[in-house]
Protein backbone atom coordinates (compact mmCIF):
# COMPACT_ATOMS: atom_id res chain seq x y z
CA MET A 1 -24.14 -1.37 21.12
CA SER A 2 -23.21 2.00 19.53
CA ARG A 3 -22.28 2.48 15.84
CA ASP A 4 -18.74 2.68 16.56
CA GLU A 5 -18.69 -0.69 18.50
CA GLN A 6 -20.74 -2.30 15.61
CA ILE A 7 -18.08 -1.28 13.07
CA ALA A 8 -15.22 -2.22 15.26
CA ASN A 9 -16.79 -5.65 15.69
CA ALA A 10 -17.30 -5.79 11.97
CA VAL A 11 -13.61 -5.09 11.38
CA SER A 12 -12.56 -7.73 13.88
CA GLN A 13 -14.13 -10.26 11.56
CA LEU A 14 -11.18 -9.58 9.33
CA ASP A 15 -8.72 -11.27 11.66
CA ILE A 16 -8.85 -14.75 10.14
CA ALA A 17 -6.73 -16.71 7.67
CA ALA A 18 -9.50 -17.58 5.32
CA SER A 19 -9.59 -14.99 2.38
CA ASP A 20 -13.11 -15.94 1.39
CA ARG A 21 -14.56 -15.02 4.79
CA GLN A 22 -12.37 -11.88 4.77
CA ASP A 23 -14.03 -10.87 1.57
CA ALA A 24 -17.53 -11.49 2.83
CA ALA A 25 -16.64 -9.38 5.93
CA TRP A 26 -15.18 -6.58 3.81
CA ALA A 27 -18.20 -6.46 1.48
CA ASN A 28 -20.20 -5.21 4.65
CA LEU A 29 -17.66 -2.61 5.47
CA ARG A 30 -16.68 -1.24 2.06
CA PRO A 31 -19.88 0.95 1.71
CA LEU A 32 -18.50 2.87 4.69
CA GLY A 33 -15.93 4.47 2.27
CA PHE A 34 -12.97 6.22 3.73
CA GLY A 35 -14.40 6.60 7.06
CA ILE A 36 -13.61 2.92 7.62
CA VAL A 37 -9.84 3.55 7.65
CA ARG A 38 -9.80 4.86 11.17
CA TYR A 39 -11.22 1.68 12.38
CA LEU A 40 -8.66 -0.47 10.31
CA LEU A 41 -5.89 1.61 11.94
CA ALA A 42 -7.30 1.24 15.45
CA ALA A 43 -7.68 -2.65 14.93
CA PHE A 44 -4.17 -3.28 13.61
CA PRO A 45 -2.38 -3.67 16.76
CA GLN A 46 -4.86 -5.97 18.07
CA PHE A 47 -5.08 -8.41 15.11
CA ARG A 48 -3.32 -11.70 15.68
CA THR A 49 -2.95 -13.22 12.20
CA TRP A 50 -0.74 -11.88 9.75
CA GLN A 51 -3.51 -12.40 7.06
CA GLY A 52 -5.82 -10.30 9.12
CA ARG A 53 -3.09 -7.49 9.35
CA THR A 54 -2.38 -7.78 5.53
CA ALA A 55 -6.18 -7.47 4.82
CA LEU A 56 -6.20 -4.26 6.87
CA VAL A 57 -3.45 -2.75 4.89
CA TYR A 58 -4.71 -4.08 1.58
CA TYR A 59 -8.23 -2.64 2.15
CA ALA A 60 -6.85 0.78 3.26
CA THR A 61 -4.79 1.16 0.11
CA ARG A 62 -7.53 2.62 -1.96
CA TYR A 63 -7.88 5.46 0.50
CA ALA A 64 -4.28 6.14 0.97
CA ARG A 65 -4.43 9.56 -0.89
CA ILE A 66 -7.45 10.92 0.95
CA SER A 67 -6.85 9.61 4.53
CA ASP A 68 -3.99 10.39 6.76
CA ASP A 69 -5.00 7.28 8.90
CA ALA A 70 -4.20 5.02 5.90
CA VAL A 71 -0.79 6.60 5.60
CA ARG A 72 -0.26 6.04 9.44
CA LEU A 73 -1.49 2.42 8.97
CA GLY A 74 1.11 1.80 6.09
CA ILE A 75 3.81 3.30 8.33
CA LEU A 76 2.93 1.16 11.23
CA ALA A 77 2.56 -1.93 9.13
CA ALA A 78 6.09 -1.24 7.66
CA SER A 79 7.41 -2.50 11.00
CA ASP A 80 5.25 -5.52 11.04
CA ARG A 81 7.05 -8.93 11.88
CA SER A 82 5.20 -10.66 8.85
CA TYR A 83 7.01 -9.91 5.58
CA MET A 84 3.55 -9.95 3.68
CA VAL A 85 2.28 -7.11 6.07
CA ARG A 86 5.51 -5.20 5.17
CA TYR A 87 5.11 -5.84 1.54
CA ARG A 88 1.48 -4.63 1.49
CA ALA A 89 2.66 -1.66 3.55
CA CYS A 90 4.96 -0.70 0.56
CA GLY A 91 2.20 -0.82 -1.73
CA LEU A 92 -0.11 1.45 0.42
CA LEU A 93 2.71 3.95 0.74
CA ALA A 94 3.43 3.83 -2.97
CA TYR A 95 -0.04 4.55 -3.64
CA SER A 96 -0.25 7.42 -1.10
CA LEU A 97 2.60 9.28 -2.96
CA ASN A 98 3.19 10.64 0.45
CA ARG A 99 6.92 11.98 0.58
CA ASP A 100 6.92 11.79 4.41
CA SER A 101 6.95 8.09 4.14
CA LEU A 102 10.21 7.94 2.22
CA SER A 103 12.43 7.43 5.23
CA VAL A 104 10.42 4.49 6.36
CA LEU A 105 10.64 3.06 2.81
CA GLU A 106 14.23 3.64 2.58
CA ARG A 107 14.74 1.71 5.92
CA LEU A 108 12.86 -1.17 4.25
CA SER A 109 14.73 -1.25 1.09
CA SER A 110 17.36 -3.09 3.10
CA ASP A 111 14.98 -5.65 4.51
CA LYS A 112 16.20 -9.26 4.74
CA ARG A 113 13.29 -10.37 2.50
CA LEU A 114 13.95 -9.59 -1.10
CA LEU A 115 10.22 -9.13 -1.84
CA VAL A 116 10.01 -6.39 0.71
CA ALA A 117 13.37 -4.80 -0.27
CA ARG A 118 12.40 -4.63 -3.86
CA SER A 119 8.90 -3.34 -3.06
CA ALA A 120 10.25 -0.62 -0.88
CA HIS A 121 12.65 0.45 -3.71
CA ALA A 122 9.69 0.57 -6.18
CA ALA A 123 7.67 2.44 -3.60
CA CYS A 124 10.44 5.06 -3.30
CA ASN A 125 10.66 5.37 -7.16
CA ALA A 126 6.79 5.96 -7.23
CA ILE A 127 6.93 8.61 -4.60
CA LYS A 128 9.81 10.42 -6.06
CA ALA A 129 8.28 10.55 -9.43
CA GLN A 130 4.74 11.12 -8.05
CA ASN A 131 3.51 8.20 -10.29
CA HIS A 132 2.18 5.26 -8.38
CA HIS A 133 2.20 2.96 -11.47
CA LEU A 134 6.03 2.75 -10.88
CA PHE A 135 5.29 0.35 -8.00
CA ALA A 136 4.13 -2.24 -10.57
CA ASP A 137 6.47 -0.86 -13.25
CA ARG A 138 9.72 -1.86 -11.72
CA SER A 139 11.73 -1.87 -14.91
CA LEU A 140 10.53 1.68 -15.77
CA SER A 141 9.20 0.54 -19.15
CA GLY A 142 6.00 2.44 -19.09
CA ARG A 143 4.11 -0.59 -20.18
CA THR A 144 2.73 -1.77 -16.66
CA SER A 145 0.14 0.04 -14.95
CA TRP A 146 -1.49 -0.42 -11.25
CA VAL A 147 -5.06 0.56 -11.16
CA VAL A 148 -6.46 0.84 -7.59
CA ASN A 149 -9.32 3.25 -8.15
CA GLU A 150 -11.28 4.65 -10.95
CA GLY A 151 -9.30 7.65 -12.45
CA ASP A 152 -5.85 5.89 -11.93
CA ARG A 153 -5.85 6.01 -15.91
CA ALA A 154 -6.22 9.14 -17.96
CA PRO A 155 -9.01 9.42 -20.30
CA GLY A 156 -8.39 6.88 -23.10
CA GLY A 157 -6.78 4.36 -20.67
CA SER A 158 -3.45 5.96 -20.78
CA ILE A 159 -0.95 5.95 -17.81
CA PRO A 160 1.66 8.51 -17.13
CA PRO A 161 5.10 7.79 -18.70
CA PRO A 162 7.93 6.78 -16.55
CA PRO A 163 10.29 9.63 -16.04
CA SER A 164 13.02 10.47 -18.44
CA ARG A 165 16.55 9.38 -18.00
CA ILE A 166 17.57 12.82 -16.91
CA ASP A 167 14.58 12.84 -14.45
CA ARG A 168 15.55 9.53 -13.24
CA TRP A 169 18.95 10.70 -12.49
CA ARG A 170 17.89 13.91 -10.82
CA LEU A 171 15.27 12.14 -8.62
CA GLY A 172 17.47 9.19 -7.77
CA ILE A 173 15.17 6.57 -9.36
CA ARG A 174 16.59 3.26 -10.86
CA SER A 175 14.88 0.15 -12.06
CA VAL A 176 14.21 -2.59 -9.58
CA ASP A 177 15.97 -5.36 -11.38
CA SER A 178 16.73 -8.93 -10.20
CA GLY A 179 20.48 -7.98 -9.60
CA ASN A 180 19.94 -5.44 -6.60
CA PRO A 181 17.07 -4.43 -4.53
């Protein structure tokens, strides 16, 4: 069995509902670094469980800034039938800060599931401001951060402030509140 086949086989172990078994399978794959993302993307269409597809997107998120395949996975996952997969896709695309994914996220901002619609709106805010923390800081308070990788905080533990009111207006950013997605 070739190395590629071994890795693909190990990735297929993520297509289960039990998160503890997914974690164990991922522990064997994580040392491969961003090179694993192409296998996650290739496996996505074959995965049968929503939990497995969600795991693929979740594990690829940390590589979203350095892997085009991770962004492709996020865009593919944004059309998934499971709302949890679509929600995770919003997070991956928010973390990527990739402006090319805005059209996908804008479409998702009218998703019938409020979780997905609000997450897509927050992801758009993050990308427009080039500040991934805005995916978690939906009120734009500057008090909430989202650390995915080392280095997501500045030295001293600070996070970038949210955009000023003028920049929010200029960029088309508004808080994600309980009233409107």
